[in-house]
Amino acid sequence: MITVSVCLIVLNEEKILARCLRSFSCIADEIIVVDTGSTDNTKKIAADFTDKIYDFKWVNDFSKARNYAFSKCNCDYIYSCDADEVLDEENIKKFENLKNNLPENVEIVQMFYKNQLEFNTTYNYDKELRTKLFKRKRDFVWEECVHEQIRLTPVIFDSDIEITHMPLSLHSKRDFKVIKDAILRGEAISKRLWEMYAKELFISGDNEDFLEAGAIFESYVENNILDESLLRSCLCVIAKASLIKNDIIGFFAAALKNVGTNNPSGEICYMLSKLYYDTGKYEDAYLWAYNGIFEAQSECCIKYQKEMLPKLMLNILEKTGRYDEKEVYEKLICLT
């Protein structure tokens, strides 16, 4: 049987921490809690479950805090936990079975992270595999009987364990600030994080968030050579920010660059269709709504293609008299 350190970084989590630790204590051989400056009862609640509580001065960097937390772990494997996660009875049993039967060579275990759409988080799917359990010490192993080489790719196991995500509130404002501060410090931001920034803006950002991000993304696009998928995401943000500040020329500049790529984004098609609809140009609105639903793909928020565009199309059909097409788009909305 393997041993597992359940490892958390926390800040003012008194409302949900006991719920989390109560469920994960069933499978934990040790619980590590790293507090980044709580001013409520978080540390007191954590003390009901573990004596391994550490303080870490927050430096606006989640990776540094998690690395510090990992350094305090002692078990074979580390489960990286957030305070808003819950492990139900069925999945506690699955986790216990995993502990008893996990092959020795497995270095990473993926688990299903579910219940994401209900809380408008940064992901476009309600359930998806995420890396959650990590071997604390990795062995480097030679492979092949001749022309031998060290195996660099980790051994990953996809489990059927489901972790329920139950946050009390959105973390978008916090996330936006962390990313913006890192950019202002001149830190290199990965392609993945730029894409996550764009996704989170479209899923849960407000007008103020887009206006602040618009200039940042414009500068990034102007000063970097980007691959096509990242460029499309950035142009979606720039276009939305331009619309919000009523910069129609800036909007069309970004939108046309996006459309000029191999796969125009569903978000851009929606913005174009809605702009034409609002100005009474219903045939143009129909064209872009149709393209957005059937020819494009959502770059940042799947709701644009799967929900918002079909609903907009129903309004367009009323204006253009295409009543015979209504059933098609009503069914598309039912499927989302």
C-alpha atoms as a PDB file:
ATOM      1  CA  MET A   1       0.000   0.000   0.000  1.00  0.00           C
ATOM      2  CA  ILE A   2       1.220   3.484  -0.843  1.00  0.00           C
ATOM      3  CA  THR A   3       1.093   6.369   1.633  1.00  0.00           C
ATOM      4  CA  VAL A   4      -0.415   9.732   0.703  1.00  0.00           C
ATOM      5  CA  SER A   5       0.257  13.279   1.878  1.00  0.00           C
ATOM      6  CA  VAL A   6      -2.775  15.515   1.348  1.00  0.00           C
ATOM      7  CA  CYS A   7      -1.307  18.943   0.762  1.00  0.00           C
ATOM      8  CA  LEU A   8      -3.117  22.318   0.758  1.00  0.00           C
ATOM      9  CA  ILE A   9      -2.291  26.005   0.534  1.00  0.00           C
ATOM     10  CA  VAL A  10      -5.017  28.093   2.180  1.00  0.00           C
ATOM     11  CA  LEU A  11      -6.116  31.659   2.857  1.00  0.00           C
ATOM     12  CA  ASN A  12      -9.224  32.521   4.896  1.00  0.00           C
ATOM     13  CA  GLU A  13     -11.003  29.229   4.213  1.00  0.00           C
ATOM     14  CA  GLU A  14     -12.885  28.894   7.523  1.00  0.00           C
ATOM     15  CA  LYS A  15     -16.248  28.331   5.803  1.00  0.00           C
ATOM     16  CA  ILE A  16     -15.201  25.273   3.792  1.00  0.00           C
ATOM     17  CA  LEU A  17     -11.943  23.888   5.190  1.00  0.00           C
ATOM     18  CA  ALA A  18     -13.494  21.446   7.671  1.00  0.00           C
ATOM     19  CA  ARG A  19     -15.723  20.029   4.917  1.00  0.00           C
ATOM     20  CA  CYS A  20     -12.656  19.389   2.774  1.00  0.00           C
ATOM     21  CA  LEU A  21     -10.361  17.968   5.462  1.00  0.00           C
ATOM     22  CA  ARG A  22     -13.109  15.771   6.909  1.00  0.00           C
ATOM     23  CA  SER A  23     -13.503  13.991   3.567  1.00  0.00           C
ATOM     24  CA  PHE A  24      -9.805  13.750   2.661  1.00  0.00           C
ATOM     25  CA  SER A  25      -8.645  12.704   6.134  1.00  0.00           C
ATOM     26  CA  CYS A  26     -10.139   9.289   5.344  1.00  0.00           C
ATOM     27  CA  ILE A  27      -7.433   8.609   2.774  1.00  0.00           C
ATOM     28  CA  ALA A  28      -4.585  10.789   4.102  1.00  0.00           C
ATOM     29  CA  ASP A  29      -1.578   9.381   5.931  1.00  0.00           C
ATOM     30  CA  GLU A  30      -0.597  12.964   6.703  1.00  0.00           C
ATOM     31  CA  ILE A  31      -2.168  16.354   6.036  1.00  0.00           C
ATOM     32  CA  ILE A  32       0.010  19.352   5.229  1.00  0.00           C
ATOM     33  CA  VAL A  33      -1.604  22.784   5.482  1.00  0.00           C
ATOM     34  CA  VAL A  34       0.330  25.850   4.368  1.00  0.00           C
ATOM     35  CA  ASP A  35      -1.324  29.127   5.351  1.00  0.00           C
ATOM     36  CA  THR A  36      -0.540  32.218   3.297  1.00  0.00           C
ATOM     37  CA  GLY A  37      -1.812  34.836   5.748  1.00  0.00           C
ATOM     38  CA  SER A  38      -5.301  33.936   6.992  1.00  0.00           C
ATOM     39  CA  THR A  39      -7.008  36.386   9.321  1.00  0.00           C
ATOM     40  CA  ASP A  40      -9.974  34.150  10.195  1.00  0.00           C
ATOM     41  CA  ASN A  41     -10.173  30.744  11.938  1.00  0.00           C
ATOM     42  CA  THR A  42      -8.564  28.775   9.113  1.00  0.00           C
ATOM     43  CA  LYS A  43      -5.502  27.657  11.100  1.00  0.00           C
ATOM     44  CA  LYS A  44      -7.606  26.793  14.143  1.00  0.00           C
ATOM     45  CA  ILE A  45      -9.863  24.570  12.012  1.00  0.00           C
ATOM     46  CA  ALA A  46      -6.847  22.951  10.346  1.00  0.00           C
ATOM     47  CA  ALA A  47      -5.459  22.101  13.798  1.00  0.00           C
ATOM     48  CA  ASP A  48      -8.455  19.808  14.365  1.00  0.00           C
ATOM     49  CA  PHE A  49      -7.123  17.588  11.582  1.00  0.00           C
ATOM     50  CA  THR A  50      -3.326  17.972  11.613  1.00  0.00           C
ATOM     51  CA  ASP A  51      -0.400  19.412  13.541  1.00  0.00           C
ATOM     52  CA  LYS A  52       1.545  19.981  10.319  1.00  0.00           C
ATOM     53  CA  ILE A  53       0.574  23.590   9.722  1.00  0.00           C
ATOM     54  CA  TYR A  54       3.091  25.999   8.219  1.00  0.00           C
ATOM     55  CA  ASP A  55       3.143  29.700   7.397  1.00  0.00           C
ATOM     56  CA  PHE A  56       4.263  30.995   4.027  1.00  0.00           C
ATOM     57  CA  LYS A  57       4.467  34.681   3.231  1.00  0.00           C
ATOM     58  CA  TRP A  58       2.335  35.295   0.162  1.00  0.00           C
ATOM     59  CA  VAL A  59       4.372  36.602  -2.782  1.00  0.00           C
ATOM     60  CA  ASN A  60       1.573  36.603  -5.381  1.00  0.00           C
ATOM     61  CA  ASP A  61       2.765  33.293  -6.809  1.00  0.00           C
ATOM     62  CA  PHE A  62       0.798  30.082  -6.363  1.00  0.00           C
ATOM     63  CA  SER A  63       3.600  27.888  -7.690  1.00  0.00           C
ATOM     64  CA  LYS A  64       6.040  29.099  -5.044  1.00  0.00           C
ATOM     65  CA  ALA A  65       3.475  28.428  -2.315  1.00  0.00           C
ATOM     66  CA  ARG A  66       2.716  24.933  -3.650  1.00  0.00           C
ATOM     67  CA  ASN A  67       6.407  24.116  -4.008  1.00  0.00           C
ATOM     68  CA  TYR A  68       6.924  25.080  -0.392  1.00  0.00           C
ATOM     69  CA  ALA A  69       3.961  22.907   0.627  1.00  0.00           C
ATOM     70  CA  PHE A  70       5.323  19.952  -1.343  1.00  0.00           C
ATOM     71  CA  SER A  71       8.674  20.342   0.427  1.00  0.00           C
ATOM     72  CA  LYS A  72       6.964  19.583   3.735  1.00  0.00           C
ATOM     73  CA  CYS A  73       5.474  16.266   2.581  1.00  0.00           C
ATOM     74  CA  ASN A  74       6.907  12.914   3.655  1.00  0.00           C
ATOM     75  CA  CYS A  75       4.704  10.197   2.137  1.00  0.00           C
ATOM     76  CA  ASP A  76       5.152   8.157  -1.037  1.00  0.00           C
ATOM     77  CA  TYR A  77       2.678  10.275  -2.983  1.00  0.00           C
ATOM     78  CA  ILE A  78       1.327  13.810  -2.667  1.00  0.00           C
ATOM     79  CA  TYR A  79      -2.293  14.701  -3.335  1.00  0.00           C
ATOM     80  CA  SER A  80      -2.522  18.368  -4.298  1.00  0.00           C
ATOM     81  CA  CYS A  81      -5.761  19.571  -2.729  1.00  0.00           C
ATOM     82  CA  ASP A  82      -7.764  22.796  -2.733  1.00  0.00           C
ATOM     83  CA  ALA A  83      -9.994  23.751   0.173  1.00  0.00           C
ATOM     84  CA  ASP A  84     -13.096  23.779  -2.050  1.00  0.00           C
ATOM     85  CA  GLU A  85     -12.735  20.105  -3.002  1.00  0.00           C
ATOM     86  CA  VAL A  86     -14.836  17.287  -1.556  1.00  0.00           C
ATOM     87  CA  LEU A  87     -14.340  13.530  -1.751  1.00  0.00           C
ATOM     88  CA  ASP A  88     -17.644  11.666  -1.305  1.00  0.00           C
ATOM     89  CA  GLU A  89     -18.092   8.198   0.211  1.00  0.00           C
ATOM     90  CA  GLU A  90     -18.031   6.342  -3.102  1.00  0.00           C
ATOM     91  CA  ASN A  91     -14.815   8.016  -4.185  1.00  0.00           C
ATOM     92  CA  ILE A  92     -13.203   7.556  -0.778  1.00  0.00           C
ATOM     93  CA  LYS A  93     -13.569   3.820  -1.402  1.00  0.00           C
ATOM     94  CA  LYS A  94     -12.101   4.208  -4.885  1.00  0.00           C
ATOM     95  CA  PHE A  95      -9.173   6.169  -3.460  1.00  0.00           C
ATOM     96  CA  GLU A  96      -8.556   3.511  -0.802  1.00  0.00           C
ATOM     97  CA  ASN A  97      -8.564   0.864  -3.529  1.00  0.00           C
ATOM     98  CA  LEU A  98      -6.086   2.948  -5.511  1.00  0.00           C
ATOM     99  CA  LYS A  99      -3.775   3.124  -2.486  1.00  0.00           C
ATOM    100  CA  ASN A 100      -3.869  -0.650  -2.146  1.00  0.00           C
ATOM    101  CA  ASN A 101      -3.308  -1.454  -5.809  1.00  0.00           C
ATOM    102  CA  LEU A 102      -1.350   1.339  -7.477  1.00  0.00           C
ATOM    103  CA  PRO A 103       1.585  -0.119  -9.452  1.00  0.00           C
ATOM    104  CA  GLU A 104       4.961   0.956  -8.103  1.00  0.00           C
ATOM    105  CA  ASN A 105       6.090   2.534 -11.376  1.00  0.00           C
ATOM    106  CA  VAL A 106       3.175   5.009 -11.622  1.00  0.00           C
ATOM    107  CA  GLU A 107       4.377   8.569 -11.021  1.00  0.00           C
ATOM    108  CA  ILE A 108       1.255  10.621 -11.725  1.00  0.00           C
ATOM    109  CA  VAL A 109      -2.406   9.778 -11.195  1.00  0.00           C
ATOM    110  CA  GLN A 110      -5.124  11.725 -12.946  1.00  0.00           C
ATOM    111  CA  MET A 111      -8.590  12.042 -11.433  1.00  0.00           C
ATOM    112  CA  PHE A 112     -11.838  13.499 -12.697  1.00  0.00           C
ATOM    113  CA  TYR A 113     -12.488  17.047 -11.551  1.00  0.00           C
ATOM    114  CA  LYS A 114     -16.237  17.571 -11.711  1.00  0.00           C
ATOM    115  CA  ASN A 115     -18.976  20.106 -11.037  1.00  0.00           C
ATOM    116  CA  GLN A 116     -17.114  22.926 -12.750  1.00  0.00           C
ATOM    117  CA  LEU A 117     -19.806  24.490 -14.945  1.00  0.00           C
ATOM    118  CA  GLU A 118     -22.147  25.117 -12.012  1.00  0.00           C
ATOM    119  CA  PHE A 119     -19.680  27.584 -10.532  1.00  0.00           C
ATOM    120  CA  ASN A 120     -18.606  29.308 -13.781  1.00  0.00           C
ATOM    121  CA  THR A 121     -14.953  28.382 -13.364  1.00  0.00           C
ATOM    122  CA  THR A 122     -12.248  28.610 -16.028  1.00  0.00           C
ATOM    123  CA  TYR A 123     -13.046  25.287 -17.663  1.00  0.00           C
ATOM    124  CA  ASN A 124     -15.462  24.529 -20.480  1.00  0.00           C
ATOM    125  CA  TYR A 125     -16.400  21.015 -19.371  1.00  0.00           C
ATOM    126  CA  ASP A 126     -18.195  19.839 -16.268  1.00  0.00           C
ATOM    127  CA  LYS A 127     -15.901  16.852 -15.765  1.00  0.00           C
ATOM    128  CA  GLU A 128     -12.363  16.318 -16.998  1.00  0.00           C
ATOM    129  CA  LEU A 129      -9.187  14.508 -16.023  1.00  0.00           C
ATOM    130  CA  ARG A 130      -6.666  16.523 -14.049  1.00  0.00           C
ATOM    131  CA  THR A 131      -3.319  15.599 -12.522  1.00  0.00           C
ATOM    132  CA  LYS A 132      -3.920  15.288  -8.775  1.00  0.00           C
ATOM    133  CA  LEU A 133      -1.608  12.676  -7.245  1.00  0.00           C
ATOM    134  CA  PHE A 134       2.177  12.858  -7.631  1.00  0.00           C
ATOM    135  CA  LYS A 135       4.969  10.505  -6.635  1.00  0.00           C
ATOM    136  CA  ARG A 136       7.098  12.475  -4.183  1.00  0.00           C
ATOM    137  CA  LYS A 137      10.428  11.069  -5.349  1.00  0.00           C
ATOM    138  CA  ARG A 138      10.805  10.135  -8.974  1.00  0.00           C
ATOM    139  CA  ASP A 139      13.190   7.382 -10.041  1.00  0.00           C
ATOM    140  CA  PHE A 140      15.149   7.766 -13.249  1.00  0.00           C
ATOM    141  CA  VAL A 141      15.165   4.452 -15.077  1.00  0.00           C
ATOM    142  CA  TRP A 142      17.232   3.201 -17.996  1.00  0.00           C
ATOM    143  CA  GLU A 143      15.265   1.550 -20.798  1.00  0.00           C
ATOM    144  CA  GLU A 144      16.002  -0.600 -23.887  1.00  0.00           C
ATOM    145  CA  CYS A 145      18.352  -3.584 -24.036  1.00  0.00           C
ATOM    146  CA  VAL A 146      20.795  -1.663 -26.223  1.00  0.00           C
ATOM    147  CA  HIS A 147      21.092   2.001 -27.253  1.00  0.00           C
ATOM    148  CA  GLU A 148      19.681   2.495 -23.774  1.00  0.00           C
ATOM    149  CA  GLN A 149      18.237   5.804 -22.627  1.00  0.00           C
ATOM    150  CA  ILE A 150      16.693   7.331 -19.528  1.00  0.00           C
ATOM    151  CA  ARG A 151      12.910   7.407 -19.542  1.00  0.00           C
ATOM    152  CA  LEU A 152      11.906  11.069 -19.343  1.00  0.00           C
ATOM    153  CA  THR A 153       8.149  10.753 -19.818  1.00  0.00           C
ATOM    154  CA  PRO A 154       6.363  10.079 -16.507  1.00  0.00           C
ATOM    155  CA  VAL A 155       4.185   7.020 -16.072  1.00  0.00           C
ATOM    156  CA  ILE A 156       0.625   8.342 -15.811  1.00  0.00           C
ATOM    157  CA  PHE A 157      -2.425   6.427 -14.624  1.00  0.00           C
ATOM    158  CA  ASP A 158      -5.963   7.660 -15.378  1.00  0.00           C
ATOM    159  CA  SER A 159      -8.150   6.681 -12.440  1.00  0.00           C
ATOM    160  CA  ASP A 160     -11.945   6.742 -12.170  1.00  0.00           C
ATOM    161  CA  ILE A 161     -11.882   8.776  -8.950  1.00  0.00           C
ATOM    162  CA  GLU A 162     -14.091  11.877  -9.039  1.00  0.00           C
ATOM    163  CA  ILE A 163     -13.279  14.988  -7.030  1.00  0.00           C
ATOM    164  CA  THR A 164     -16.214  17.350  -6.493  1.00  0.00           C
ATOM    165  CA  HIS A 165     -15.373  21.034  -6.834  1.00  0.00           C
ATOM    166  CA  MET A 166     -17.582  23.200  -4.591  1.00  0.00           C
ATOM    167  CA  PRO A 167     -16.252  26.770  -4.288  1.00  0.00           C
ATOM    168  CA  LEU A 168     -18.214  29.382  -2.373  1.00  0.00           C
ATOM    169  CA  SER A 169     -17.343  32.144  -4.822  1.00  0.00           C
ATOM    170  CA  LEU A 170     -15.446  32.888  -8.018  1.00  0.00           C
ATOM    171  CA  HIS A 171     -11.687  33.457  -7.873  1.00  0.00           C
ATOM    172  CA  SER A 172     -11.539  35.404 -11.125  1.00  0.00           C
ATOM    173  CA  LYS A 173     -10.584  38.800  -9.703  1.00  0.00           C
ATOM    174  CA  ARG A 174      -7.795  37.192  -7.688  1.00  0.00           C
ATOM    175  CA  ASP A 175      -6.529  35.259 -10.719  1.00  0.00           C
ATOM    176  CA  PHE A 176      -6.570  38.321 -12.971  1.00  0.00           C
ATOM    177  CA  LYS A 177      -4.559  40.308 -10.441  1.00  0.00           C
ATOM    178  CA  VAL A 178      -1.933  37.580 -10.028  1.00  0.00           C
ATOM    179  CA  ILE A 179      -1.440  37.314 -13.789  1.00  0.00           C
ATOM    180  CA  LYS A 180      -1.373  41.085 -14.374  1.00  0.00           C
ATOM    181  CA  ASP A 181       1.132  41.593 -11.561  1.00  0.00           C
ATOM    182  CA  ALA A 182       3.400  38.902 -13.019  1.00  0.00           C
ATOM    183  CA  ILE A 183       3.251  40.568 -16.434  1.00  0.00           C
ATOM    184  CA  LEU A 184       4.046  43.976 -14.923  1.00  0.00           C
ATOM    185  CA  ARG A 185       7.046  42.430 -13.144  1.00  0.00           C
ATOM    186  CA  GLY A 186       8.326  41.337 -16.530  1.00  0.00           C
ATOM    187  CA  GLU A 187       7.974  37.619 -15.843  1.00  0.00           C
ATOM    188  CA  ALA A 188       7.657  35.231 -18.777  1.00  0.00           C
ATOM    189  CA  ILE A 189       4.056  34.014 -19.071  1.00  0.00           C
ATOM    190  CA  SER A 190       3.558  30.636 -20.717  1.00  0.00           C
ATOM    191  CA  LYS A 191       1.264  29.998 -23.676  1.00  0.00           C
ATOM    192  CA  ARG A 192      -0.945  27.927 -21.389  1.00  0.00           C
ATOM    193  CA  LEU A 193      -1.354  30.770 -18.893  1.00  0.00           C
ATOM    194  CA  TRP A 194      -2.160  33.315 -21.612  1.00  0.00           C
ATOM    195  CA  GLU A 195      -4.853  30.934 -22.873  1.00  0.00           C
ATOM    196  CA  MET A 196      -6.158  30.401 -19.328  1.00  0.00           C
ATOM    197  CA  TYR A 197      -6.286  34.183 -18.856  1.00  0.00           C
ATOM    198  CA  ALA A 198      -8.370  34.545 -22.029  1.00  0.00           C
ATOM    199  CA  LYS A 199     -10.677  31.678 -21.034  1.00  0.00           C
ATOM    200  CA  GLU A 200     -11.281  33.041 -17.561  1.00  0.00           C
ATOM    201  CA  LEU A 201     -12.085  36.473 -18.989  1.00  0.00           C
ATOM    202  CA  PHE A 202     -14.746  35.054 -21.301  1.00  0.00           C
ATOM    203  CA  ILE A 203     -16.195  32.674 -18.738  1.00  0.00           C
ATOM    204  CA  SER A 204     -16.386  34.967 -15.720  1.00  0.00           C
ATOM    205  CA  GLY A 205     -14.846  38.362 -16.498  1.00  0.00           C
ATOM    206  CA  ASP A 206     -16.834  41.603 -16.436  1.00  0.00           C
ATOM    207  CA  ASN A 207     -16.446  44.702 -18.624  1.00  0.00           C
ATOM    208  CA  GLU A 208     -13.843  46.221 -16.315  1.00  0.00           C
ATOM    209  CA  ASP A 209     -11.740  43.041 -16.496  1.00  0.00           C
ATOM    210  CA  PHE A 210     -11.835  43.098 -20.302  1.00  0.00           C
ATOM    211  CA  LEU A 211     -10.926  46.773 -20.472  1.00  0.00           C
ATOM    212  CA  GLU A 212      -7.894  46.202 -18.232  1.00  0.00           C
ATOM    213  CA  ALA A 213      -6.863  43.109 -20.180  1.00  0.00           C
ATOM    214  CA  GLY A 214      -7.387  44.562 -23.656  1.00  0.00           C
ATOM    215  CA  ALA A 215      -4.273  46.745 -23.648  1.00  0.00           C
ATOM    216  CA  ILE A 216      -2.203  43.925 -22.139  1.00  0.00           C
ATOM    217  CA  PHE A 217      -3.227  41.508 -24.884  1.00  0.00           C
ATOM    218  CA  GLU A 218      -2.724  44.127 -27.611  1.00  0.00           C
ATOM    219  CA  SER A 219       0.858  44.698 -26.472  1.00  0.00           C
ATOM    220  CA  TYR A 220       1.468  40.954 -26.288  1.00  0.00           C
ATOM    221  CA  VAL A 221       0.220  40.361 -29.835  1.00  0.00           C
ATOM    222  CA  GLU A 222       2.179  43.315 -31.221  1.00  0.00           C
ATOM    223  CA  ASN A 223       5.482  42.236 -29.665  1.00  0.00           C
ATOM    224  CA  ASN A 224       5.415  38.454 -30.052  1.00  0.00           C
ATOM    225  CA  ILE A 225       5.133  35.828 -32.740  1.00  0.00           C
ATOM    226  CA  LEU A 226       2.289  33.573 -31.619  1.00  0.00           C
ATOM    227  CA  ASP A 227       1.065  30.218 -32.821  1.00  0.00           C
ATOM    228  CA  GLU A 228      -2.358  30.289 -34.445  1.00  0.00           C
ATOM    229  CA  SER A 229      -4.463  28.996 -31.561  1.00  0.00           C
ATOM    230  CA  LEU A 230      -2.996  31.452 -29.058  1.00  0.00           C
ATOM    231  CA  LEU A 231      -3.322  34.310 -31.553  1.00  0.00           C
ATOM    232  CA  ARG A 232      -7.031  33.534 -31.978  1.00  0.00           C
ATOM    233  CA  SER A 233      -7.580  33.571 -28.211  1.00  0.00           C
ATOM    234  CA  CYS A 234      -5.768  36.902 -27.836  1.00  0.00           C
ATOM    235  CA  LEU A 235      -7.722  38.454 -30.697  1.00  0.00           C
ATOM    236  CA  CYS A 236     -10.984  37.387 -29.054  1.00  0.00           C
ATOM    237  CA  VAL A 237     -10.035  39.346 -25.937  1.00  0.00           C
ATOM    238  CA  ILE A 238      -8.921  42.391 -27.927  1.00  0.00           C
ATOM    239  CA  ALA A 239     -12.122  42.354 -29.974  1.00  0.00           C
ATOM    240  CA  LYS A 240     -14.357  42.108 -26.907  1.00  0.00           C
ATOM    241  CA  ALA A 241     -12.469  44.892 -25.121  1.00  0.00           C
ATOM    242  CA  SER A 242     -12.778  47.090 -28.231  1.00  0.00           C
ATOM    243  CA  LEU A 243     -16.524  46.526 -28.384  1.00  0.00           C
ATOM    244  CA  ILE A 244     -16.935  47.432 -24.729  1.00  0.00           C
ATOM    245  CA  LYS A 245     -15.211  50.791 -25.261  1.00  0.00           C
ATOM    246  CA  ASN A 246     -17.107  51.289 -28.536  1.00  0.00           C
ATOM    247  CA  ASP A 247     -13.935  51.197 -30.615  1.00  0.00           C
ATOM    248  CA  ILE A 248     -15.531  49.742 -33.749  1.00  0.00           C
ATOM    249  CA  ILE A 249     -12.409  50.136 -35.890  1.00  0.00           C
ATOM    250  CA  GLY A 250     -10.337  48.303 -33.265  1.00  0.00           C
ATOM    251  CA  PHE A 251     -13.009  45.634 -33.027  1.00  0.00           C
ATOM    252  CA  PHE A 252     -13.091  44.953 -36.756  1.00  0.00           C
ATOM    253  CA  ALA A 253      -9.279  44.982 -36.955  1.00  0.00           C
ATOM    254  CA  ALA A 254      -9.071  42.213 -34.352  1.00  0.00           C
ATOM    255  CA  ALA A 255     -12.106  40.343 -35.691  1.00  0.00           C
ATOM    256  CA  LEU A 256     -10.829  40.269 -39.273  1.00  0.00           C
ATOM    257  CA  LYS A 257      -7.404  39.023 -38.158  1.00  0.00           C
ATOM    258  CA  ASN A 258      -9.162  36.237 -36.282  1.00  0.00           C
ATOM    259  CA  VAL A 259     -11.414  35.358 -39.226  1.00  0.00           C
ATOM    260  CA  GLY A 260      -8.324  35.311 -41.459  1.00  0.00           C
ATOM    261  CA  THR A 261      -6.891  32.326 -39.588  1.00  0.00           C
ATOM    262  CA  ASN A 262      -7.816  28.787 -40.570  1.00  0.00           C
ATOM    263  CA  ASN A 263     -10.487  28.469 -37.891  1.00  0.00           C
ATOM    264  CA  PRO A 264     -12.371  31.645 -36.926  1.00  0.00           C
ATOM    265  CA  SER A 265     -13.481  31.619 -33.312  1.00  0.00           C
ATOM    266  CA  GLY A 266     -17.067  31.125 -32.183  1.00  0.00           C
ATOM    267  CA  GLU A 267     -16.685  34.119 -29.879  1.00  0.00           C
ATOM    268  CA  ILE A 268     -15.808  36.400 -32.806  1.00  0.00           C
ATOM    269  CA  CYS A 269     -18.692  35.046 -34.888  1.00  0.00           C
ATOM    270  CA  TYR A 270     -21.049  35.765 -32.020  1.00  0.00           C
ATOM    271  CA  MET A 271     -19.773  39.314 -31.579  1.00  0.00           C
ATOM    272  CA  LEU A 272     -20.088  39.992 -35.311  1.00  0.00           C
ATOM    273  CA  SER A 273     -23.568  38.498 -35.486  1.00  0.00           C
ATOM    274  CA  LYS A 274     -24.756  40.410 -32.406  1.00  0.00           C
ATOM    275  CA  LEU A 275     -23.331  43.682 -33.747  1.00  0.00           C
ATOM    276  CA  TYR A 276     -25.152  43.248 -37.048  1.00  0.00           C
ATOM    277  CA  TYR A 277     -28.337  42.150 -35.261  1.00  0.00           C
ATOM    278  CA  ASP A 278     -28.304  45.200 -32.990  1.00  0.00           C
ATOM    279  CA  THR A 279     -27.906  47.498 -36.015  1.00  0.00           C
ATOM    280  CA  GLY A 280     -30.768  45.843 -37.940  1.00  0.00           C
ATOM    281  CA  LYS A 281     -28.592  44.047 -40.518  1.00  0.00           C
ATOM    282  CA  TYR A 282     -30.257  40.696 -40.012  1.00  0.00           C
ATOM    283  CA  GLU A 283     -28.945  38.887 -43.109  1.00  0.00           C
ATOM    284  CA  ASP A 284     -25.365  39.646 -42.069  1.00  0.00           C
ATOM    285  CA  ALA A 285     -26.254  38.583 -38.551  1.00  0.00           C
ATOM    286  CA  TYR A 286     -27.617  35.291 -39.919  1.00  0.00           C
ATOM    287  CA  LEU A 287     -24.427  34.633 -41.891  1.00  0.00           C
ATOM    288  CA  TRP A 288     -22.129  35.074 -38.890  1.00  0.00           C
ATOM    289  CA  ALA A 289     -24.380  33.151 -36.523  1.00  0.00           C
ATOM    290  CA  TYR A 290     -24.498  30.257 -38.990  1.00  0.00           C
ATOM    291  CA  ASN A 291     -20.707  30.308 -39.403  1.00  0.00           C
ATOM    292  CA  GLY A 292     -20.220  30.455 -35.647  1.00  0.00           C
ATOM    293  CA  ILE A 293     -22.434  27.429 -35.029  1.00  0.00           C
ATOM    294  CA  PHE A 294     -21.379  25.168 -37.890  1.00  0.00           C
ATOM    295  CA  GLU A 295     -18.014  26.361 -39.209  1.00  0.00           C
ATOM    296  CA  ALA A 296     -16.146  27.763 -36.201  1.00  0.00           C
ATOM    297  CA  GLN A 297     -15.052  26.543 -32.795  1.00  0.00           C
ATOM    298  CA  SER A 298     -15.131  28.240 -29.425  1.00  0.00           C
ATOM    299  CA  GLU A 299     -11.686  29.393 -28.379  1.00  0.00           C
ATOM    300  CA  CYS A 300     -12.322  30.515 -24.823  1.00  0.00           C
ATOM    301  CA  CYS A 301     -15.891  29.764 -23.717  1.00  0.00           C
ATOM    302  CA  ILE A 302     -17.873  26.895 -25.195  1.00  0.00           C
ATOM    303  CA  LYS A 303     -21.168  28.583 -24.262  1.00  0.00           C
ATOM    304  CA  TYR A 304     -20.711  31.024 -27.135  1.00  0.00           C
ATOM    305  CA  GLN A 305     -21.022  28.240 -29.689  1.00  0.00           C
ATOM    306  CA  LYS A 306     -23.282  25.818 -27.849  1.00  0.00           C
ATOM    307  CA  GLU A 307     -25.753  28.214 -26.222  1.00  0.00           C
ATOM    308  CA  MET A 308     -25.389  31.908 -27.012  1.00  0.00           C
ATOM    309  CA  LEU A 309     -25.155  31.603 -30.814  1.00  0.00           C
ATOM    310  CA  PRO A 310     -28.172  29.242 -31.187  1.00  0.00           C
ATOM    311  CA  LYS A 311     -30.261  31.557 -28.962  1.00  0.00           C
ATOM    312  CA  LEU A 312     -29.196  34.566 -30.999  1.00  0.00           C
ATOM    313  CA  MET A 313     -30.023  32.669 -34.169  1.00  0.00           C
ATOM    314  CA  LEU A 314     -33.601  32.102 -32.963  1.00  0.00           C
ATOM    315  CA  ASN A 315     -34.007  35.864 -32.642  1.00  0.00           C
ATOM    316  CA  ILE A 316     -32.511  36.356 -36.102  1.00  0.00           C
ATOM    317  CA  LEU A 317     -34.908  33.804 -37.611  1.00  0.00           C
ATOM    318  CA  GLU A 318     -37.844  35.785 -36.234  1.00  0.00           C
ATOM    319  CA  LYS A 319     -36.548  38.918 -37.941  1.00  0.00           C
ATOM    320  CA  THR A 320     -35.797  37.213 -41.270  1.00  0.00           C
ATOM    321  CA  GLY A 321     -38.903  35.013 -41.458  1.00  0.00           C
ATOM    322  CA  ARG A 322     -36.973  31.740 -41.534  1.00  0.00           C
ATOM    323  CA  TYR A 323     -39.475  30.025 -39.253  1.00  0.00           C
ATOM    324  CA  ASP A 324     -38.852  26.606 -40.813  1.00  0.00           C
ATOM    325  CA  GLU A 325     -35.319  26.580 -39.344  1.00  0.00           C
ATOM    326  CA  LYS A 326     -36.342  27.203 -35.720  1.00  0.00           C
ATOM    327  CA  GLU A 327     -36.496  23.526 -34.742  1.00  0.00           C
ATOM    328  CA  VAL A 328     -32.854  22.975 -35.746  1.00  0.00           C
ATOM    329  CA  TYR A 329     -31.564  25.641 -33.372  1.00  0.00           C
ATOM    330  CA  GLU A 330     -33.995  24.801 -30.578  1.00  0.00           C
ATOM    331  CA  LYS A 331     -32.582  21.269 -30.606  1.00  0.00           C
ATOM    332  CA  LEU A 332     -29.018  22.619 -30.496  1.00  0.00           C
ATOM    333  CA  ILE A 333     -29.847  24.554 -27.338  1.00  0.00           C
ATOM    334  CA  CYS A 334     -31.454  21.462 -25.775  1.00  0.00           C
ATOM    335  CA  LEU A 335     -28.246  19.512 -26.394  1.00  0.00           C
ATOM    336  CA  THR A 336     -26.083  21.937 -24.382  1.00  0.00           C
END
